[in-house]
Amino acid sequence: MGLFSQYFPNVANSIQSFVQATWETIYMTAITALIAGAFGILIGVLLVITGPDGIAQQSAFYTILDKIVNLFRSIPFIILLAVIAPVTRLIVGTSIGTIAAIVPLIVSTTPFYARQVQNALLDVDEGIIEAAQAMGSSNLAIIFRVYLKEGLPAIIRSSVVTLISLIGLTAMAGTVGGGGLGNLAIMTGYQRFENDVTIMSMIIILIIVFIIQIIGDLLAKKTYHENIN
């Protein structure tokens, strides 16, 4: 503790702030991942099955959905935070704080993840899909037993990329009052010239990212081998 206090004096005096900020970052990431993950998979599947050569082609529906995904993916997150502030206040009653930050995080992450899921599902072997159709499988059965099952390793890898990107967004949300480690790093570390606070915030974020990457790699490898067997 002596060396730690020597090199990280401000961190040693604000351990509780770090515990709370870390919890807020994990909370924002988990809630956003659950909601944006569900919507992202749904939209990604719809883009694949209604798109060109899909099993339920709907050109007009696909075009509109594709444009909406492109539109929301193109808006920089820091601008999105300000643009949808009235919507955020309408939903959660405030535009400041951890709960409020979750709304723009979901809006920003969902289209990004949907496109990742779409790309993962498009890599599924068309021969397997044609075989399932030849055996009389329904579209719903093909979605669950072919697309999502065969594409699971790629979906997991895409989920890891999305989660890591999401943690970056939570840090950005923290700079405008969203709470979490980003807020601690900027409001305390940067603005008060307490560099050890900024460095420790970065280290904790990196540890979270590494843990997600390791778990994601293990899950992807496991599901890949299960699909082969």
Protein backbone atom coordinates (compact mmCIF):
# COMPACT_ATOMS: atom_id res chain seq x y z
CA MET A 1 0.00 0.00 0.00
CA GLY A 2 2.98 2.27 0.66
CA LEU A 3 4.26 2.20 -2.95
CA PHE A 4 0.72 2.40 -4.30
CA SER A 5 0.00 5.52 -2.20
CA GLN A 6 3.30 6.99 -3.34
CA TYR A 7 2.66 6.58 -7.07
CA PHE A 8 -1.17 6.87 -7.01
CA PRO A 9 -1.86 9.27 -4.11
CA ASN A 10 -5.18 10.59 -5.41
CA VAL A 11 -6.39 7.09 -6.27
CA ALA A 12 -5.57 5.86 -2.76
CA ASN A 13 -7.71 8.66 -1.36
CA SER A 14 -10.70 7.92 -3.60
CA ILE A 15 -11.02 4.13 -3.68
CA GLN A 16 -14.77 4.35 -3.10
CA SER A 17 -15.16 6.63 -6.12
CA PHE A 18 -13.40 4.05 -8.27
CA VAL A 19 -15.59 1.24 -6.97
CA GLN A 20 -18.72 3.25 -7.78
CA ALA A 21 -17.44 4.38 -11.20
CA THR A 22 -16.45 0.80 -12.13
CA TRP A 23 -19.89 -0.44 -11.11
CA GLU A 24 -21.57 2.30 -13.17
CA THR A 25 -19.50 1.37 -16.24
CA ILE A 26 -20.34 -2.34 -15.86
CA TYR A 27 -24.02 -1.49 -15.23
CA MET A 28 -24.29 0.70 -18.34
CA THR A 29 -22.48 -1.91 -20.42
CA ALA A 30 -24.59 -4.85 -19.19
CA ILE A 31 -28.01 -3.20 -19.54
CA THR A 32 -27.16 -1.76 -22.96
CA ALA A 33 -25.72 -5.08 -24.13
CA LEU A 34 -28.87 -6.97 -23.14
CA ILE A 35 -31.32 -4.58 -24.82
CA ALA A 36 -29.22 -3.62 -27.84
CA GLY A 37 -28.21 -7.28 -28.22
CA ALA A 38 -31.82 -8.45 -28.46
CA PHE A 39 -32.79 -5.70 -30.94
CA GLY A 40 -29.54 -6.09 -32.87
CA ILE A 41 -30.02 -9.83 -33.42
CA LEU A 42 -33.65 -9.28 -34.46
CA ILE A 43 -32.75 -6.54 -36.94
CA GLY A 44 -29.72 -8.46 -38.23
CA VAL A 45 -31.85 -11.54 -38.90
CA LEU A 46 -34.52 -9.42 -40.63
CA LEU A 47 -31.87 -7.83 -42.86
CA VAL A 48 -30.59 -11.26 -43.91
CA ILE A 49 -33.88 -13.04 -44.56
CA THR A 50 -35.58 -10.09 -46.33
CA GLY A 51 -32.50 -9.00 -48.27
CA PRO A 52 -31.26 -10.13 -51.69
CA ASP A 53 -31.31 -13.96 -51.91
CA GLY A 54 -32.92 -14.13 -48.46
CA ILE A 55 -35.40 -16.84 -47.53
CA ALA A 56 -38.22 -14.28 -47.18
CA GLN A 57 -37.32 -11.53 -49.62
CA GLN A 58 -39.11 -8.22 -49.08
CA SER A 59 -37.27 -5.62 -51.13
CA ALA A 60 -39.16 -2.55 -49.87
CA PHE A 61 -38.92 -3.59 -46.19
CA TYR A 62 -35.23 -4.45 -46.57
CA THR A 63 -34.41 -1.13 -48.25
CA ILE A 64 -36.13 0.93 -45.54
CA LEU A 65 -34.57 -1.06 -42.68
CA ASP A 66 -31.15 -0.95 -44.32
CA LYS A 67 -31.34 2.85 -44.68
CA ILE A 68 -32.44 3.30 -41.06
CA VAL A 69 -29.51 1.19 -39.84
CA ASN A 70 -27.11 3.18 -42.01
CA LEU A 71 -28.58 6.46 -40.78
CA PHE A 72 -28.16 5.74 -37.07
CA ARG A 73 -24.75 4.17 -37.58
CA SER A 74 -23.57 7.37 -39.27
CA ILE A 75 -24.39 9.72 -36.39
CA PRO A 76 -21.35 10.42 -34.18
CA PHE A 77 -22.13 9.30 -30.63
CA ILE A 78 -21.22 12.61 -28.98
CA ILE A 79 -23.74 14.39 -31.25
CA LEU A 80 -26.34 11.67 -30.72
CA LEU A 81 -26.10 12.27 -26.96
CA ALA A 82 -27.23 15.86 -27.46
CA VAL A 83 -29.75 15.22 -30.24
CA ILE A 84 -31.81 12.65 -28.38
CA ALA A 85 -31.58 14.36 -24.98
CA PRO A 86 -35.31 15.35 -25.16
CA VAL A 87 -36.22 11.71 -25.89
CA THR A 88 -34.00 10.57 -23.02
CA ARG A 89 -35.73 13.01 -20.63
CA LEU A 90 -39.11 11.76 -21.85
CA ILE A 91 -38.18 8.13 -21.16
CA VAL A 92 -36.21 8.32 -17.89
CA GLY A 93 -37.01 11.83 -16.66
CA THR A 94 -33.48 13.21 -16.96
CA SER A 95 -30.67 13.50 -19.50
CA ILE A 96 -27.86 13.34 -16.94
CA GLY A 97 -26.55 10.32 -15.06
CA THR A 98 -25.93 6.64 -15.58
CA ILE A 99 -29.55 5.66 -16.27
CA ALA A 100 -29.95 8.47 -18.80
CA ALA A 101 -26.76 7.47 -20.60
CA ILE A 102 -28.20 4.03 -21.33
CA VAL A 103 -30.78 5.43 -23.79
CA PRO A 104 -28.30 6.93 -26.31
CA LEU A 105 -26.00 3.94 -25.76
CA ILE A 106 -28.79 1.60 -26.89
CA VAL A 107 -29.68 3.82 -29.86
CA SER A 108 -26.04 3.94 -30.97
CA THR A 109 -25.13 0.30 -30.30
CA THR A 110 -28.19 -1.43 -31.81
CA PRO A 111 -27.58 -0.52 -35.49
CA PHE A 112 -23.86 -1.23 -35.13
CA TYR A 113 -24.53 -4.68 -33.66
CA ALA A 114 -27.31 -5.39 -36.17
CA ARG A 115 -24.87 -4.87 -39.03
CA GLN A 116 -22.33 -7.11 -37.31
CA VAL A 117 -24.94 -9.86 -36.92
CA GLN A 118 -26.01 -9.45 -40.53
CA ASN A 119 -22.42 -9.90 -41.74
CA ALA A 120 -22.00 -12.96 -39.48
CA LEU A 121 -25.17 -14.62 -40.80
CA LEU A 122 -24.33 -13.89 -44.44
CA ASP A 123 -21.26 -16.12 -44.00
CA VAL A 124 -23.43 -19.16 -43.25
CA ASP A 125 -22.99 -21.79 -45.98
CA GLU A 126 -25.81 -21.38 -48.52
CA GLY A 127 -25.67 -25.13 -49.18
CA ILE A 128 -26.89 -25.85 -45.64
CA ILE A 129 -29.76 -23.40 -46.08
CA GLU A 130 -30.76 -24.96 -49.41
CA ALA A 131 -30.60 -28.43 -47.84
CA ALA A 132 -32.89 -27.31 -45.02
CA GLN A 133 -35.34 -25.83 -47.53
CA ALA A 134 -35.25 -29.04 -49.56
CA MET A 135 -36.21 -30.99 -46.44
CA GLY A 136 -39.25 -28.77 -45.98
CA SER A 137 -38.01 -26.74 -42.99
CA SER A 138 -40.01 -23.59 -42.27
CA ASN A 139 -38.38 -20.16 -42.39
CA LEU A 140 -38.54 -19.97 -38.59
CA ALA A 141 -36.78 -23.33 -38.29
CA ILE A 142 -34.10 -22.24 -40.75
CA ILE A 143 -33.50 -19.04 -38.74
CA PHE A 144 -32.99 -20.88 -35.44
CA ARG A 145 -31.52 -24.22 -36.58
CA VAL A 146 -29.34 -23.00 -39.44
CA TYR A 147 -28.63 -19.26 -39.37
CA LEU A 148 -28.28 -18.74 -35.61
CA LYS A 149 -26.75 -22.17 -34.92
CA GLU A 150 -24.20 -22.15 -37.73
CA GLY A 151 -23.47 -18.45 -37.33
CA LEU A 152 -23.07 -18.58 -33.54
CA PRO A 153 -19.22 -18.48 -33.43
CA ALA A 154 -19.19 -15.44 -35.74
CA ILE A 155 -22.01 -13.80 -33.74
CA ILE A 156 -20.00 -14.26 -30.53
CA ARG A 157 -16.93 -12.69 -32.12
CA SER A 158 -19.09 -9.80 -33.36
CA SER A 159 -20.55 -9.45 -29.88
CA VAL A 160 -17.07 -9.09 -28.41
CA VAL A 161 -16.23 -6.33 -30.90
CA THR A 162 -19.51 -4.59 -30.07
CA LEU A 163 -19.00 -4.89 -26.30
CA ILE A 164 -15.52 -3.40 -26.52
CA SER A 165 -16.86 -0.58 -28.67
CA LEU A 166 -19.68 -0.11 -26.15
CA ILE A 167 -17.23 0.33 -23.27
CA GLY A 168 -15.58 3.09 -25.29
CA LEU A 169 -18.98 4.74 -25.69
CA THR A 170 -19.68 4.54 -21.93
CA ALA A 171 -16.41 6.39 -21.34
CA MET A 172 -17.51 9.03 -23.85
CA ALA A 173 -20.91 9.31 -22.18
CA GLY A 174 -19.09 9.91 -18.91
CA THR A 175 -17.54 13.09 -20.27
CA VAL A 176 -21.00 14.71 -20.46
CA GLY A 177 -22.30 13.59 -17.08
CA GLY A 178 -23.06 9.95 -17.80
CA GLY A 179 -21.10 8.65 -14.83
CA GLY A 180 -18.68 5.73 -14.86
CA LEU A 181 -14.94 5.57 -15.34
CA GLY A 182 -14.99 8.04 -18.24
CA ASN A 183 -16.61 10.62 -16.02
CA LEU A 184 -14.05 9.98 -13.24
CA ALA A 185 -11.12 10.19 -15.66
CA ILE A 186 -12.21 13.49 -17.20
CA MET A 187 -14.00 15.34 -14.40
CA THR A 188 -11.52 14.39 -11.67
CA GLY A 189 -8.34 13.18 -13.37
CA TYR A 190 -8.11 15.55 -16.32
CA GLN A 191 -9.78 18.72 -15.06
CA ARG A 192 -8.09 18.63 -11.63
CA PHE A 193 -4.72 17.56 -13.10
CA GLU A 194 -4.80 14.32 -11.06
CA ASN A 195 -3.06 12.21 -13.67
CA ASP A 196 -2.94 9.08 -11.51
CA VAL A 197 -6.77 9.04 -11.47
CA THR A 198 -6.87 9.19 -15.28
CA ILE A 199 -4.25 6.44 -15.60
CA MET A 200 -6.01 4.16 -13.10
CA SER A 201 -9.36 4.68 -14.88
CA MET A 202 -7.72 3.64 -18.13
CA ILE A 203 -6.14 0.57 -16.49
CA ILE A 204 -9.50 -0.60 -15.11
CA ILE A 205 -11.17 -0.11 -18.52
CA LEU A 206 -8.37 -2.12 -20.17
CA ILE A 207 -8.82 -4.92 -17.61
CA ILE A 208 -12.58 -5.07 -18.36
CA VAL A 209 -11.84 -5.16 -22.11
CA PHE A 210 -9.27 -7.95 -21.72
CA ILE A 211 -11.68 -10.04 -19.64
CA ILE A 212 -14.43 -9.65 -22.28
CA GLN A 213 -11.99 -10.57 -25.06
CA ILE A 214 -10.76 -13.69 -23.25
CA ILE A 215 -14.28 -14.92 -22.42
CA GLY A 216 -15.45 -14.16 -25.98
CA ASP A 217 -12.54 -16.06 -27.54
CA LEU A 218 -13.21 -19.10 -25.32
CA LEU A 219 -16.94 -19.11 -26.14
CA ALA A 220 -16.32 -18.68 -29.87
CA LYS A 221 -13.81 -21.54 -29.88
CA LYS A 222 -16.16 -23.79 -27.91
CA THR A 223 -19.18 -23.18 -30.15
CA TYR A 224 -17.04 -23.56 -33.29
CA HIS A 225 -15.89 -27.02 -32.21
CA GLU A 226 -19.42 -27.99 -31.18
CA ASN A 227 -20.73 -27.01 -34.63
CA ILE A 228 -18.03 -29.09 -36.32
CA ASN A 229 -18.78 -32.12 -34.15
